[in-house]
C-alpha atoms as a PDB file:
ATOM      1  CA  MET A   1     -13.202 -13.963  15.258  1.00  0.00           C
ATOM      2  CA  ASN A   2     -14.605 -15.520  12.114  1.00  0.00           C
ATOM      3  CA  PRO A   3     -12.784 -15.027   8.779  1.00  0.00           C
ATOM      4  CA  ARG A   4     -15.529 -12.897   7.260  1.00  0.00           C
ATOM      5  CA  THR A   5     -15.418 -10.366  10.091  1.00  0.00           C
ATOM      6  CA  ALA A   6     -11.614 -10.400  10.185  1.00  0.00           C
ATOM      7  CA  THR A   7     -11.416  -9.749   6.429  1.00  0.00           C
ATOM      8  CA  LEU A   8     -13.936  -6.904   6.663  1.00  0.00           C
ATOM      9  CA  ILE A   9     -11.894  -5.342   9.475  1.00  0.00           C
ATOM     10  CA  ALA A  10      -8.721  -5.846   7.407  1.00  0.00           C
ATOM     11  CA  GLY A  11     -10.349  -3.843   4.621  1.00  0.00           C
ATOM     12  CA  LEU A  12     -11.030  -1.043   7.092  1.00  0.00           C
ATOM     13  CA  VAL A  13      -7.365  -1.090   8.137  1.00  0.00           C
ATOM     14  CA  VAL A  14      -6.360  -0.785   4.472  1.00  0.00           C
ATOM     15  CA  ALA A  15      -8.861   2.100   4.126  1.00  0.00           C
ATOM     16  CA  LEU A  16      -7.298   3.891   7.108  1.00  0.00           C
ATOM     17  CA  VAL A  17      -3.814   3.542   5.617  1.00  0.00           C
ATOM     18  CA  ALA A  18      -5.057   4.800   2.242  1.00  0.00           C
ATOM     19  CA  GLY A  19      -6.876   7.689   3.917  1.00  0.00           C
ATOM     20  CA  GLN A  20      -3.800   8.719   5.855  1.00  0.00           C
ATOM     21  CA  SER A  21      -1.674   8.429   2.725  1.00  0.00           C
ATOM     22  CA  LEU A  22      -3.989  10.996   1.133  1.00  0.00           C
ATOM     23  CA  GLY A  23      -3.789  13.253   4.202  1.00  0.00           C
ATOM     24  CA  ARG A  24      -7.348  12.677   5.402  1.00  0.00           C
ATOM     25  CA  PHE A  25      -6.239  12.516   9.041  1.00  0.00           C
ATOM     26  CA  GLY A  26      -3.810  15.421   8.962  1.00  0.00           C
ATOM     27  CA  GLY A  27      -0.288  16.016   7.857  1.00  0.00           C
ATOM     28  CA  GLY A  28      -0.945  17.562   4.467  1.00  0.00           C
ATOM     29  CA  VAL A  29       0.157  15.868   1.286  1.00  0.00           C
ATOM     30  CA  PRO A  30       2.706  15.005   0.277  1.00  0.00           C
ATOM     31  CA  SER A  31       4.485  14.734   3.604  1.00  0.00           C
ATOM     32  CA  ILE A  32       6.322  12.129   5.617  1.00  0.00           C
ATOM     33  CA  VAL A  33       3.134  11.043   7.379  1.00  0.00           C
ATOM     34  CA  ALA A  34       0.963  11.352   4.267  1.00  0.00           C
ATOM     35  CA  PRO A  35       3.039  10.304   1.235  1.00  0.00           C
ATOM     36  CA  ALA A  36       0.147  10.601  -1.248  1.00  0.00           C
ATOM     37  CA  SER A  37       0.596   7.270  -2.999  1.00  0.00           C
ATOM     38  CA  MET A  38       0.466   7.860  -6.720  1.00  0.00           C
ATOM     39  CA  LEU A  39      -1.868   4.870  -7.023  1.00  0.00           C
ATOM     40  CA  LEU A  40      -4.392   6.913  -5.069  1.00  0.00           C
ATOM     41  CA  VAL A  41      -3.527  10.508  -5.851  1.00  0.00           C
ATOM     42  CA  TYR A  42      -3.776  10.331  -9.652  1.00  0.00           C
ATOM     43  CA  PRO A  43      -7.465   9.361  -9.619  1.00  0.00           C
ATOM     44  CA  VAL A  44      -8.059  12.211  -7.139  1.00  0.00           C
ATOM     45  CA  PHE A  45      -6.231  14.624  -9.478  1.00  0.00           C
ATOM     46  CA  MET A  46      -8.550  13.429 -12.264  1.00  0.00           C
ATOM     47  CA  GLY A  47     -11.539  14.544 -10.212  1.00  0.00           C
ATOM     48  CA  LEU A  48     -12.697  11.386  -8.446  1.00  0.00           C
ATOM     49  CA  PRO A  49     -13.817  11.971  -4.861  1.00  0.00           C
ATOM     50  CA  VAL A  50     -11.359  10.735  -2.232  1.00  0.00           C
ATOM     51  CA  ALA A  51     -13.987   8.449  -0.670  1.00  0.00           C
ATOM     52  CA  ILE A  52     -14.533   6.678  -3.986  1.00  0.00           C
ATOM     53  CA  VAL A  53     -10.796   6.276  -4.568  1.00  0.00           C
ATOM     54  CA  ILE A  54     -10.294   4.794  -1.097  1.00  0.00           C
ATOM     55  CA  GLY A  55     -13.383   2.597  -1.505  1.00  0.00           C
ATOM     56  CA  ALA A  56     -12.109   1.319  -4.857  1.00  0.00           C
ATOM     57  CA  PHE A  57      -8.719   0.515  -3.322  1.00  0.00           C
ATOM     58  CA  VAL A  58     -10.372  -1.433  -0.496  1.00  0.00           C
ATOM     59  CA  ALA A  59     -12.542  -3.230  -3.056  1.00  0.00           C
ATOM     60  CA  CYS A  60      -9.345  -4.210  -4.883  1.00  0.00           C
ATOM     61  CA  PHE A  61      -8.002  -5.610  -1.602  1.00  0.00           C
ATOM     62  CA  TRP A  62     -11.133  -7.686  -1.046  1.00  0.00           C
ATOM     63  CA  LEU A  63     -11.327  -8.799  -4.686  1.00  0.00           C
ATOM     64  CA  TRP A  64      -7.652  -9.701  -4.812  1.00  0.00           C
ATOM     65  CA  ARG A  65      -8.215 -12.586  -2.443  1.00  0.00           C
ATOM     66  CA  PRO A  66     -11.967 -13.039  -1.911  1.00  0.00           C
ATOM     67  CA  SER A  67     -11.381 -16.497  -0.424  1.00  0.00           C
ATOM     68  CA  LEU A  68     -10.046 -14.736   2.682  1.00  0.00           C
ATOM     69  CA  PHE A  69     -13.706 -14.234   3.585  1.00  0.00           C
ATOM     70  CA  ALA A  70     -13.948 -18.042   3.772  1.00  0.00           C
ATOM     71  CA  GLY A  71     -10.751 -18.404   5.814  1.00  0.00           C
ATOM     72  CA  GLU A  72      -8.430 -19.595   3.019  1.00  0.00           C
ATOM     73  CA  PRO A  73      -4.967 -20.094   4.558  1.00  0.00           C
ATOM     74  CA  ARG A  74      -2.883 -20.049   1.376  1.00  0.00           C
ATOM     75  CA  VAL A  75      -1.025 -17.025  -0.048  1.00  0.00           C
ATOM     76  CA  PRO A  76      -1.532 -17.347  -3.828  1.00  0.00           C
ATOM     77  CA  ASN A  77       1.191 -17.115  -6.445  1.00  0.00           C
ATOM     78  CA  ARG A  78      -0.395 -13.959  -7.845  1.00  0.00           C
ATOM     79  CA  THR A  79       0.379 -12.150  -4.590  1.00  0.00           C
ATOM     80  CA  ILE A  80       4.050 -13.009  -5.039  1.00  0.00           C
ATOM     81  CA  VAL A  81       3.865 -11.751  -8.630  1.00  0.00           C
ATOM     82  CA  LEU A  82       2.125  -8.560  -7.455  1.00  0.00           C
ATOM     83  CA  LEU A  83       4.837  -8.000  -4.877  1.00  0.00           C
ATOM     84  CA  ALA A  84       7.598  -8.603  -7.434  1.00  0.00           C
ATOM     85  CA  VAL A  85       6.066  -6.321 -10.079  1.00  0.00           C
ATOM     86  CA  ALA A  86       5.309  -3.602  -7.513  1.00  0.00           C
ATOM     87  CA  THR A  87       8.881  -3.847  -6.205  1.00  0.00           C
ATOM     88  CA  GLY A  88      10.291  -3.282  -9.680  1.00  0.00           C
ATOM     89  CA  ALA A  89       7.883  -0.447 -10.394  1.00  0.00           C
ATOM     90  CA  SER A  90       8.598   1.150  -7.023  1.00  0.00           C
ATOM     91  CA  ALA A  91      12.359   0.979  -7.573  1.00  0.00           C
ATOM     92  CA  PHE A  92      11.932   2.512 -11.039  1.00  0.00           C
ATOM     93  CA  MET A  93       9.721   5.266  -9.597  1.00  0.00           C
ATOM     94  CA  PHE A  94      12.245   6.091  -6.876  1.00  0.00           C
ATOM     95  CA  ILE A  95      15.079   6.226  -9.413  1.00  0.00           C
ATOM     96  CA  MET A  96      13.146   8.431 -11.836  1.00  0.00           C
ATOM     97  CA  GLY A  97      11.540  10.639  -9.185  1.00  0.00           C
ATOM     98  CA  TRP A  98      14.421  11.083  -6.759  1.00  0.00           C
ATOM     99  CA  ASP A  99      15.614  14.449  -8.085  1.00  0.00           C
ATOM    100  CA  TYR A 100      12.060  15.780  -8.290  1.00  0.00           C
ATOM    101  CA  ALA A 101      11.346  14.681  -4.713  1.00  0.00           C
ATOM    102  CA  ARG A 102      14.527  16.346  -3.480  1.00  0.00           C
ATOM    103  CA  LYS A 103      13.648  19.528  -5.359  1.00  0.00           C
ATOM    104  CA  TYR A 104       9.966  19.817  -4.413  1.00  0.00           C
ATOM    105  CA  GLN A 105       9.537  17.868  -1.157  1.00  0.00           C
ATOM    106  CA  GLY A 106      13.104  17.976   0.176  1.00  0.00           C
ATOM    107  CA  TYR A 107      15.874  15.479   0.798  1.00  0.00           C
ATOM    108  CA  GLY A 108      14.425  14.420   4.177  1.00  0.00           C
ATOM    109  CA  TYR A 109      11.095  13.477   2.589  1.00  0.00           C
ATOM    110  CA  ALA A 110      12.755  11.543  -0.229  1.00  0.00           C
ATOM    111  CA  LEU A 111      15.062   9.652   2.110  1.00  0.00           C
ATOM    112  CA  PHE A 112      12.333   8.888   4.641  1.00  0.00           C
ATOM    113  CA  CYS A 113      10.015   7.571   1.925  1.00  0.00           C
ATOM    114  CA  LEU A 114      12.791   5.401   0.498  1.00  0.00           C
ATOM    115  CA  VAL A 115      13.689   3.926   3.901  1.00  0.00           C
ATOM    116  CA  ALA A 116      10.031   3.458   4.881  1.00  0.00           C
ATOM    117  CA  SER A 117       9.312   1.770   1.560  1.00  0.00           C
ATOM    118  CA  ALA A 118      12.318  -0.534   1.886  1.00  0.00           C
ATOM    119  CA  LEU A 119      11.420  -1.507   5.463  1.00  0.00           C
ATOM    120  CA  MET A 120       7.790  -2.109   4.550  1.00  0.00           C
ATOM    121  CA  LEU A 121       8.869  -4.161   1.537  1.00  0.00           C
ATOM    122  CA  VAL A 122      11.126  -6.326   3.709  1.00  0.00           C
ATOM    123  CA  GLY A 123       8.192  -6.807   6.082  1.00  0.00           C
ATOM    124  CA  CYS A 124       5.882  -7.727   3.193  1.00  0.00           C
ATOM    125  CA  VAL A 125       8.360 -10.253   1.820  1.00  0.00           C
ATOM    126  CA  ALA A 126       8.819 -11.803   5.273  1.00  0.00           C
ATOM    127  CA  LEU A 127       5.064 -12.016   5.863  1.00  0.00           C
ATOM    128  CA  VAL A 128       4.365 -13.471   2.420  1.00  0.00           C
ATOM    129  CA  TRP A 129       7.193 -15.968   2.927  1.00  0.00           C
ATOM    130  CA  LYS A 130       5.778 -16.949   6.323  1.00  0.00           C
ATOM    131  CA  GLY A 131       2.323 -17.292   4.786  1.00  0.00           C
ATOM    132  CA  ARG A 132       3.715 -19.591   2.110  1.00  0.00           C
ATOM    133  CA  MET A 133       5.868 -21.712   4.437  1.00  0.00           C
ATOM    134  CA  HIS A 134       3.336 -21.987   7.273  1.00  0.00           C
ATOM    135  CA  PRO A 135      -0.113 -21.434   5.749  1.00  0.00           C
ATOM    136  CA  SER A 136      -2.773 -20.158   8.085  1.00  0.00           C
ATOM    137  CA  PHE A 137      -5.652 -17.767   7.679  1.00  0.00           C
ATOM    138  CA  ARG A 138      -4.018 -15.298  10.043  1.00  0.00           C
ATOM    139  CA  SER A 139      -0.663 -15.287   8.236  1.00  0.00           C
ATOM    140  CA  SER A 140      -2.339 -14.931   4.835  1.00  0.00           C
ATOM    141  CA  LEU A 141      -4.570 -12.087   6.009  1.00  0.00           C
ATOM    142  CA  VAL A 142      -1.689 -10.208   7.648  1.00  0.00           C
ATOM    143  CA  ALA A 143       0.504 -10.675   4.560  1.00  0.00           C
ATOM    144  CA  HIS A 144      -2.207  -9.265   2.302  1.00  0.00           C
ATOM    145  CA  ILE A 145      -2.866  -6.332   4.642  1.00  0.00           C
ATOM    146  CA  ALA A 146       0.869  -5.545   4.635  1.00  0.00           C
ATOM    147  CA  VAL A 147       1.155  -5.690   0.840  1.00  0.00           C
ATOM    148  CA  PHE A 148      -1.843  -3.427   0.282  1.00  0.00           C
ATOM    149  CA  ALA A 149      -0.768  -1.042   3.057  1.00  0.00           C
ATOM    150  CA  TRP A 150       2.640  -0.730   1.381  1.00  0.00           C
ATOM    151  CA  LEU A 151       0.983  -0.119  -1.998  1.00  0.00           C
ATOM    152  CA  ALA A 152      -1.286   2.535  -0.466  1.00  0.00           C
ATOM    153  CA  SER A 153       1.535   4.374   1.246  1.00  0.00           C
ATOM    154  CA  TYR A 154       5.270   4.277   0.600  1.00  0.00           C
ATOM    155  CA  ALA A 155       5.565   1.992  -2.449  1.00  0.00           C
ATOM    156  CA  PHE A 156       4.740   4.924  -4.741  1.00  0.00           C
ATOM    157  CA  PRO A 157       4.957   8.180  -2.740  1.00  0.00           C
ATOM    158  CA  TYR A 158       4.245  11.382  -4.602  1.00  0.00           C
ATOM    159  CA  MET A 159       7.480  12.853  -5.881  1.00  0.00           C
ATOM    160  CA  GLY A 160       7.433  16.123  -7.687  1.00  0.00           C
ATOM    161  CA  GLU A 161       5.610  19.384  -8.099  1.00  0.00           C
ATOM    162  CA  THR A 162       2.044  19.372  -6.842  1.00  0.00           C
ATOM    163  CA  PRO A 163      -0.650  20.857  -9.066  1.00  0.00           C
END
């Protein structure tokens, strides 16, 4: 498969993850299967249509590393910075939102989201590391899909009272 097609398909995968995070395929939000990532849910709360929010997130994925369309094998430094900043922000969000999540979504939801986020983060770090140590188009594409899937799902799950 050529890099352009693979990158377009990768964007669709990211869109599916974002859509599920917002409960578009069932599960209700927020729930274990649809954590309502705050990166996505706040624009929806402000009145933007879900399709536009998901489309904008996919556009961010494609614009983050547009050279994937040309088959670029390297994972850029900015992806490592993104992962580091998102990790810190996610940890801060879990610390600050833990009590609210337990109160409004339940302990099981809070714990599942924390474990899922941690496991996905470990996977992202491993994939980014692999992409840096052994550059290939495939490893770079998979690493970027993993990072954006984590951001769209369990990095920032909704914690608190829903409007």
